[in-house]
Every structure is written in C-alpha cells, then in structure tokens.
Amino acid sequence: MTLTLTPPSAEQTWTRVCALGDILPGTGVCALVRGQQVAVFHVAGRVFALGNRDPYTGANVLSRGLTGNAGGTLKVTSPLLKHAFDLETGVSLDDPRVSVPTYPVRVEGGDVWIGSAG
C-alpha cells in the first residue's frame, strides 16, 4: 500500500528515514535528511515532517514534543517553552509570524520517505 501525503515532484530527492512501525502513534522521531534534522510524526493515522529546530530556543527538540489537537488542528508542542506548531503547515499556534519548515512525506511499502529539494 502506498500513502502519499504530498504529491511527488520531479525536483524532489526522496530519503527513506525509517519504517512506519518505528514511530509509535502519537509520537515523533528525528531523522537526518540531506544534512538537516527533521522531526517526523505519526499522528491520527498520518505522517508529518517538520524542521526539528525550535525557532524560539534554537534547540533541536521538536521531535521530542507532545502531539495533540487544538480545535481541529493537529499540533506538536515543544518540550522546552511549550510553543505549539501546526503539523501540516509548521506555523506557530502562538505567533503566526513564526514557523518551522515542513517537508513532503510519503509512506510506501511500510517505509517513511521524506522529500527535499535537490
């Protein structure tokens, strides 16, 4: 079964980061993709990928954050200062002027793949 959450693009380089079963539902893991730390989450039956760096503290900790739902928005809350980020858009729920990068994700053959420009 192939579940594509972001349409593949010819400009994307896809990197296998782990098996979907390696990410417990409701949690995240950190992967190194083309030199960038990426936080990969398995939430509500979906997979999301965001930059791992918390823009408020500069620490690479978002993969260790708590996931949840805020008024229908799936989110991750940083474990440090508790700022929350939309898992789909990367936008801070505390200050929409702040965001983290998002990455295209696909699940193919039970494996999680992250897309990056290049």
N, C-alpha and C. Protein backbone atom coordinates (compact mmCIF):
# COMPACT_ATOMS: atom_id res chain seq x y z
N MET A 1 0.84 -1.18 0.00
CA MET A 1 0.00 0.00 0.00
C MET A 1 0.88 1.24 0.00
N THR A 2 0.53 2.22 -0.81
CA THR A 2 1.25 3.48 -0.87
C THR A 2 0.33 4.59 -0.42
N LEU A 3 0.76 5.36 0.56
CA LEU A 3 0.02 6.51 1.05
C LEU A 3 0.89 7.72 0.77
N THR A 4 0.46 8.57 -0.15
CA THR A 4 1.23 9.76 -0.47
C THR A 4 0.54 10.96 0.14
N LEU A 5 1.22 11.65 1.04
CA LEU A 5 0.64 12.80 1.71
C LEU A 5 0.96 14.10 0.98
N THR A 6 2.02 14.10 0.24
CA THR A 6 2.39 15.25 -0.58
C THR A 6 2.73 14.71 -1.96
N PRO A 7 2.16 15.29 -3.02
CA PRO A 7 2.44 14.75 -4.34
C PRO A 7 3.93 14.75 -4.65
N PRO A 8 4.46 13.63 -5.19
CA PRO A 8 5.87 13.60 -5.57
C PRO A 8 6.16 14.63 -6.65
N SER A 9 7.34 15.13 -6.66
CA SER A 9 7.76 16.13 -7.64
C SER A 9 9.07 15.68 -8.25
N ALA A 10 9.25 16.02 -9.51
CA ALA A 10 10.49 15.67 -10.20
C ALA A 10 11.69 16.34 -9.53
N GLU A 11 11.45 17.49 -8.88
CA GLU A 11 12.55 18.21 -8.24
C GLU A 11 12.88 17.67 -6.85
N GLN A 12 12.10 16.71 -6.35
CA GLN A 12 12.32 16.17 -5.02
C GLN A 12 13.34 15.04 -5.04
N THR A 13 14.17 15.02 -3.99
CA THR A 13 15.01 13.87 -3.70
C THR A 13 14.37 13.21 -2.49
N TRP A 14 14.07 11.92 -2.60
CA TRP A 14 13.40 11.22 -1.52
C TRP A 14 14.41 10.40 -0.71
N THR A 15 14.31 10.50 0.62
CA THR A 15 15.19 9.79 1.53
C THR A 15 14.35 8.91 2.44
N ARG A 16 14.67 7.61 2.47
CA ARG A 16 13.98 6.72 3.40
C ARG A 16 14.54 7.01 4.79
N VAL A 17 13.65 7.25 5.76
CA VAL A 17 14.12 7.57 7.10
C VAL A 17 13.89 6.46 8.11
N CYS A 18 12.82 5.67 7.95
CA CYS A 18 12.54 4.58 8.88
C CYS A 18 11.31 3.82 8.40
N ALA A 19 11.01 2.75 9.09
CA ALA A 19 9.74 2.05 8.86
C ALA A 19 8.66 2.79 9.63
N LEU A 20 7.45 2.81 9.09
CA LEU A 20 6.35 3.47 9.79
C LEU A 20 6.17 2.87 11.18
N GLY A 21 6.36 1.57 11.30
CA GLY A 21 6.23 0.90 12.59
C GLY A 21 7.26 1.34 13.63
N ASP A 22 8.31 2.03 13.20
CA ASP A 22 9.32 2.53 14.13
C ASP A 22 8.86 3.78 14.88
N ILE A 23 7.76 4.38 14.41
CA ILE A 23 7.24 5.60 15.06
C ILE A 23 5.94 5.22 15.77
N LEU A 24 5.96 5.22 17.07
CA LEU A 24 4.75 4.90 17.82
C LEU A 24 3.69 5.95 17.52
N PRO A 25 2.43 5.55 17.36
CA PRO A 25 1.37 6.54 17.11
C PRO A 25 1.34 7.60 18.19
N GLY A 26 1.23 8.85 17.76
CA GLY A 26 1.19 9.98 18.69
C GLY A 26 2.55 10.51 19.07
N THR A 27 3.62 9.97 18.46
CA THR A 27 4.96 10.42 18.83
C THR A 27 5.75 10.83 17.58
N GLY A 28 6.97 11.28 17.83
CA GLY A 28 7.86 11.67 16.75
C GLY A 28 9.24 11.08 16.91
N VAL A 29 9.99 11.11 15.82
CA VAL A 29 11.39 10.71 15.82
C VAL A 29 12.16 11.77 15.04
N CYS A 30 13.47 11.77 15.21
CA CYS A 30 14.31 12.70 14.46
C CYS A 30 15.09 11.92 13.41
N ALA A 31 15.17 12.50 12.21
CA ALA A 31 15.93 11.89 11.12
C ALA A 31 16.84 12.95 10.51
N LEU A 32 17.97 12.52 9.99
CA LEU A 32 18.87 13.42 9.29
C LEU A 32 18.62 13.26 7.79
N VAL A 33 18.16 14.33 7.15
CA VAL A 33 17.82 14.31 5.73
C VAL A 33 18.64 15.39 5.03
N ARG A 34 19.60 14.94 4.22
CA ARG A 34 20.46 15.86 3.47
C ARG A 34 21.06 16.94 4.39
N GLY A 35 21.54 16.49 5.55
CA GLY A 35 22.21 17.38 6.48
C GLY A 35 21.30 18.19 7.39
N GLN A 36 19.99 18.00 7.28
CA GLN A 36 19.03 18.74 8.10
C GLN A 36 18.33 17.80 9.07
N GLN A 37 18.17 18.24 10.32
CA GLN A 37 17.40 17.46 11.28
C GLN A 37 15.91 17.66 10.99
N VAL A 38 15.20 16.55 10.81
CA VAL A 38 13.77 16.59 10.50
C VAL A 38 13.02 15.81 11.57
N ALA A 39 11.99 16.43 12.14
CA ALA A 39 11.13 15.77 13.10
C ALA A 39 9.99 15.11 12.33
N VAL A 40 9.83 13.79 12.50
CA VAL A 40 8.84 13.02 11.76
C VAL A 40 7.82 12.49 12.77
N PHE A 41 6.55 12.79 12.55
CA PHE A 41 5.49 12.44 13.49
C PHE A 41 4.47 11.51 12.85
N HIS A 42 3.94 10.60 13.66
CA HIS A 42 2.86 9.69 13.27
C HIS A 42 1.68 10.02 14.17
N VAL A 43 0.75 10.82 13.64
CA VAL A 43 -0.35 11.33 14.44
C VAL A 43 -1.66 11.14 13.69
N ALA A 44 -2.65 10.60 14.38
CA ALA A 44 -4.00 10.43 13.82
C ALA A 44 -3.98 9.67 12.50
N GLY A 45 -3.11 8.67 12.41
CA GLY A 45 -3.03 7.86 11.20
C GLY A 45 -2.33 8.52 10.04
N ARG A 46 -1.71 9.66 10.28
CA ARG A 46 -1.00 10.40 9.23
C ARG A 46 0.45 10.60 9.64
N VAL A 47 1.29 10.95 8.67
CA VAL A 47 2.71 11.20 8.95
C VAL A 47 3.03 12.63 8.51
N PHE A 48 3.75 13.35 9.36
CA PHE A 48 4.12 14.74 9.11
C PHE A 48 5.63 14.89 9.31
N ALA A 49 6.23 15.84 8.62
CA ALA A 49 7.66 16.12 8.79
C ALA A 49 7.88 17.62 8.88
N LEU A 50 8.55 18.03 9.95
CA LEU A 50 8.86 19.44 10.21
C LEU A 50 10.35 19.56 10.52
N GLY A 51 10.86 20.77 10.39
CA GLY A 51 12.21 21.01 10.88
C GLY A 51 12.24 20.73 12.38
N ASN A 52 13.31 20.15 12.86
CA ASN A 52 13.42 19.77 14.27
C ASN A 52 13.81 20.94 15.17
N ARG A 53 14.27 22.04 14.59
CA ARG A 53 14.77 23.18 15.39
C ARG A 53 13.61 24.05 15.86
N ASP A 54 13.52 24.22 17.18
CA ASP A 54 12.53 25.11 17.79
C ASP A 54 12.99 26.55 17.56
N PRO A 55 12.24 27.35 16.79
CA PRO A 55 12.71 28.71 16.48
C PRO A 55 12.73 29.64 17.69
N TYR A 56 12.03 29.29 18.74
CA TYR A 56 12.02 30.15 19.93
C TYR A 56 13.27 29.96 20.79
N THR A 57 13.86 28.75 20.78
CA THR A 57 15.02 28.49 21.63
C THR A 57 16.28 28.16 20.83
N GLY A 58 16.11 27.77 19.57
CA GLY A 58 17.25 27.36 18.76
C GLY A 58 17.68 25.92 19.00
N ALA A 59 16.99 25.22 19.90
CA ALA A 59 17.35 23.84 20.22
C ALA A 59 16.64 22.87 19.26
N ASN A 60 17.31 21.80 18.90
CA ASN A 60 16.74 20.77 18.04
C ASN A 60 15.98 19.76 18.89
N VAL A 61 14.71 20.09 19.21
CA VAL A 61 13.95 19.29 20.16
C VAL A 61 12.51 18.98 19.73
N LEU A 62 12.04 19.48 18.61
CA LEU A 62 10.62 19.30 18.29
C LEU A 62 10.21 17.84 18.17
N SER A 63 11.12 16.97 17.74
CA SER A 63 10.78 15.56 17.61
C SER A 63 10.42 14.93 18.96
N ARG A 64 10.81 15.58 20.04
CA ARG A 64 10.51 15.08 21.40
C ARG A 64 9.28 15.76 21.99
N GLY A 65 8.63 16.58 21.19
CA GLY A 65 7.47 17.32 21.68
C GLY A 65 6.24 16.45 21.84
N LEU A 66 5.25 17.00 22.54
CA LEU A 66 3.97 16.32 22.74
C LEU A 66 3.04 16.68 21.60
N THR A 67 2.34 15.68 21.07
CA THR A 67 1.40 15.92 19.98
C THR A 67 -0.01 16.00 20.54
N GLY A 68 -0.88 16.66 19.78
CA GLY A 68 -2.25 16.78 20.22
C GLY A 68 -3.10 17.45 19.16
N ASN A 69 -4.27 17.89 19.60
CA ASN A 69 -5.24 18.51 18.71
C ASN A 69 -5.71 19.79 19.38
N ALA A 70 -5.63 20.91 18.67
CA ALA A 70 -6.09 22.19 19.19
C ALA A 70 -7.18 22.71 18.26
N GLY A 71 -8.43 22.48 18.63
CA GLY A 71 -9.54 22.96 17.83
C GLY A 71 -9.55 22.40 16.42
N GLY A 72 -9.18 21.15 16.26
CA GLY A 72 -9.15 20.52 14.94
C GLY A 72 -7.82 20.63 14.23
N THR A 73 -6.86 21.32 14.81
CA THR A 73 -5.52 21.45 14.23
C THR A 73 -4.59 20.48 14.93
N LEU A 74 -3.99 19.56 14.16
CA LEU A 74 -3.01 18.65 14.74
C LEU A 74 -1.74 19.44 15.01
N LYS A 75 -1.16 19.25 16.21
CA LYS A 75 -0.04 20.09 16.62
C LYS A 75 1.02 19.28 17.34
N VAL A 76 2.20 19.90 17.43
CA VAL A 76 3.26 19.43 18.31
C VAL A 76 3.64 20.60 19.20
N THR A 77 3.86 20.30 20.47
CA THR A 77 4.25 21.32 21.43
C THR A 77 5.70 21.08 21.83
N SER A 78 6.52 22.11 21.69
CA SER A 78 7.93 21.99 22.03
C SER A 78 8.10 21.62 23.50
N PRO A 79 9.02 20.72 23.80
CA PRO A 79 9.21 20.32 25.19
C PRO A 79 9.89 21.39 26.05
N LEU A 80 10.41 22.45 25.44
CA LEU A 80 11.12 23.46 26.23
C LEU A 80 10.19 24.56 26.74
N LEU A 81 9.77 25.45 25.86
CA LEU A 81 8.95 26.58 26.30
C LEU A 81 7.47 26.39 25.99
N LYS A 82 7.12 25.20 25.49
CA LYS A 82 5.73 24.80 25.26
C LYS A 82 5.02 25.57 24.14
N HIS A 83 5.77 26.09 23.17
CA HIS A 83 5.15 26.69 21.99
C HIS A 83 4.64 25.57 21.09
N ALA A 84 3.47 25.77 20.50
CA ALA A 84 2.85 24.75 19.66
C ALA A 84 2.97 25.12 18.19
N PHE A 85 3.10 24.09 17.33
CA PHE A 85 3.23 24.27 15.88
C PHE A 85 2.24 23.36 15.17
N ASP A 86 1.60 23.90 14.14
CA ASP A 86 0.68 23.15 13.29
C ASP A 86 1.49 22.09 12.54
N LEU A 87 1.10 20.82 12.65
CA LEU A 87 1.86 19.75 11.99
C LEU A 87 1.76 19.82 10.47
N GLU A 88 0.69 20.39 9.93
CA GLU A 88 0.54 20.47 8.48
C GLU A 88 1.30 21.63 7.86
N THR A 89 1.27 22.79 8.53
CA THR A 89 1.85 23.99 7.93
C THR A 89 3.16 24.43 8.56
N GLY A 90 3.44 23.98 9.79
CA GLY A 90 4.63 24.41 10.51
C GLY A 90 4.48 25.75 11.20
N VAL A 91 3.33 26.40 11.07
CA VAL A 91 3.10 27.72 11.65
C VAL A 91 2.88 27.60 13.16
N SER A 92 3.49 28.52 13.89
CA SER A 92 3.32 28.56 15.33
C SER A 92 1.88 28.92 15.67
N LEU A 93 1.29 28.18 16.60
CA LEU A 93 -0.06 28.49 17.05
C LEU A 93 -0.05 29.63 18.07
N ASP A 94 1.13 30.00 18.54
CA ASP A 94 1.28 31.09 19.49
C ASP A 94 1.54 32.42 18.80
N ASP A 95 2.20 32.38 17.66
CA ASP A 95 2.53 33.60 16.91
C ASP A 95 2.65 33.23 15.44
N PRO A 96 1.62 33.54 14.63
CA PRO A 96 1.62 33.11 13.23
C PRO A 96 2.75 33.69 12.38
N ARG A 97 3.53 34.60 12.94
CA ARG A 97 4.69 35.14 12.20
C ARG A 97 5.89 34.19 12.30
N VAL A 98 5.81 33.20 13.17
CA VAL A 98 6.90 32.25 13.40
C VAL A 98 6.49 30.89 12.84
N SER A 99 7.43 30.22 12.18
CA SER A 99 7.12 28.89 11.66
C SER A 99 8.38 28.05 11.56
N VAL A 100 8.18 26.77 11.36
CA VAL A 100 9.27 25.84 11.09
C VAL A 100 9.03 25.27 9.69
N PRO A 101 10.09 24.85 9.01
CA PRO A 101 9.89 24.30 7.66
C PRO A 101 9.13 22.98 7.71
N THR A 102 8.39 22.71 6.66
CA THR A 102 7.71 21.43 6.51
C THR A 102 8.34 20.70 5.33
N TYR A 103 8.21 19.39 5.34
CA TYR A 103 8.79 18.55 4.29
C TYR A 103 7.71 17.62 3.75
N PRO A 104 7.75 17.34 2.44
CA PRO A 104 6.83 16.36 1.90
C PRO A 104 7.14 14.97 2.45
N VAL A 105 6.09 14.20 2.68
CA VAL A 105 6.22 12.86 3.25
C VAL A 105 5.43 11.88 2.40
N ARG A 106 5.97 10.68 2.27
CA ARG A 106 5.18 9.59 1.69
C ARG A 106 5.51 8.31 2.44
N VAL A 107 4.50 7.46 2.53
CA VAL A 107 4.68 6.15 3.13
C VAL A 107 4.48 5.15 2.01
N GLU A 108 5.51 4.36 1.79
CA GLU A 108 5.49 3.41 0.68
C GLU A 108 6.07 2.08 1.15
N GLY A 109 5.30 1.01 0.98
CA GLY A 109 5.79 -0.31 1.39
C GLY A 109 6.11 -0.38 2.86
N GLY A 110 5.42 0.41 3.68
CA GLY A 110 5.67 0.41 5.12
C GLY A 110 6.83 1.29 5.53
N ASP A 111 7.48 1.97 4.60
CA ASP A 111 8.61 2.84 4.90
C ASP A 111 8.22 4.32 4.78
N VAL A 112 8.80 5.15 5.62
CA VAL A 112 8.57 6.59 5.59
C VAL A 112 9.68 7.25 4.78
N TRP A 113 9.28 8.04 3.80
CA TRP A 113 10.20 8.76 2.92
C TRP A 113 9.97 10.26 3.08
N ILE A 114 11.04 11.03 3.16
CA ILE A 114 10.97 12.48 3.26
C ILE A 114 11.55 13.08 1.98
N GLY A 115 10.82 14.04 1.41
CA GLY A 115 11.30 14.71 0.22
C GLY A 115 12.04 15.98 0.57
N SER A 116 13.03 16.29 -0.24
CA SER A 116 13.79 17.53 -0.08
C SER A 116 14.16 18.05 -1.45
N ALA A 117 14.36 19.34 -1.52
CA ALA A 117 14.72 19.95 -2.80
C ALA A 117 16.08 19.43 -3.22
N GLY A 118 16.21 19.20 -4.49
CA GLY A 118 17.54 18.81 -4.94
C GLY A 118 17.49 17.77 -5.97
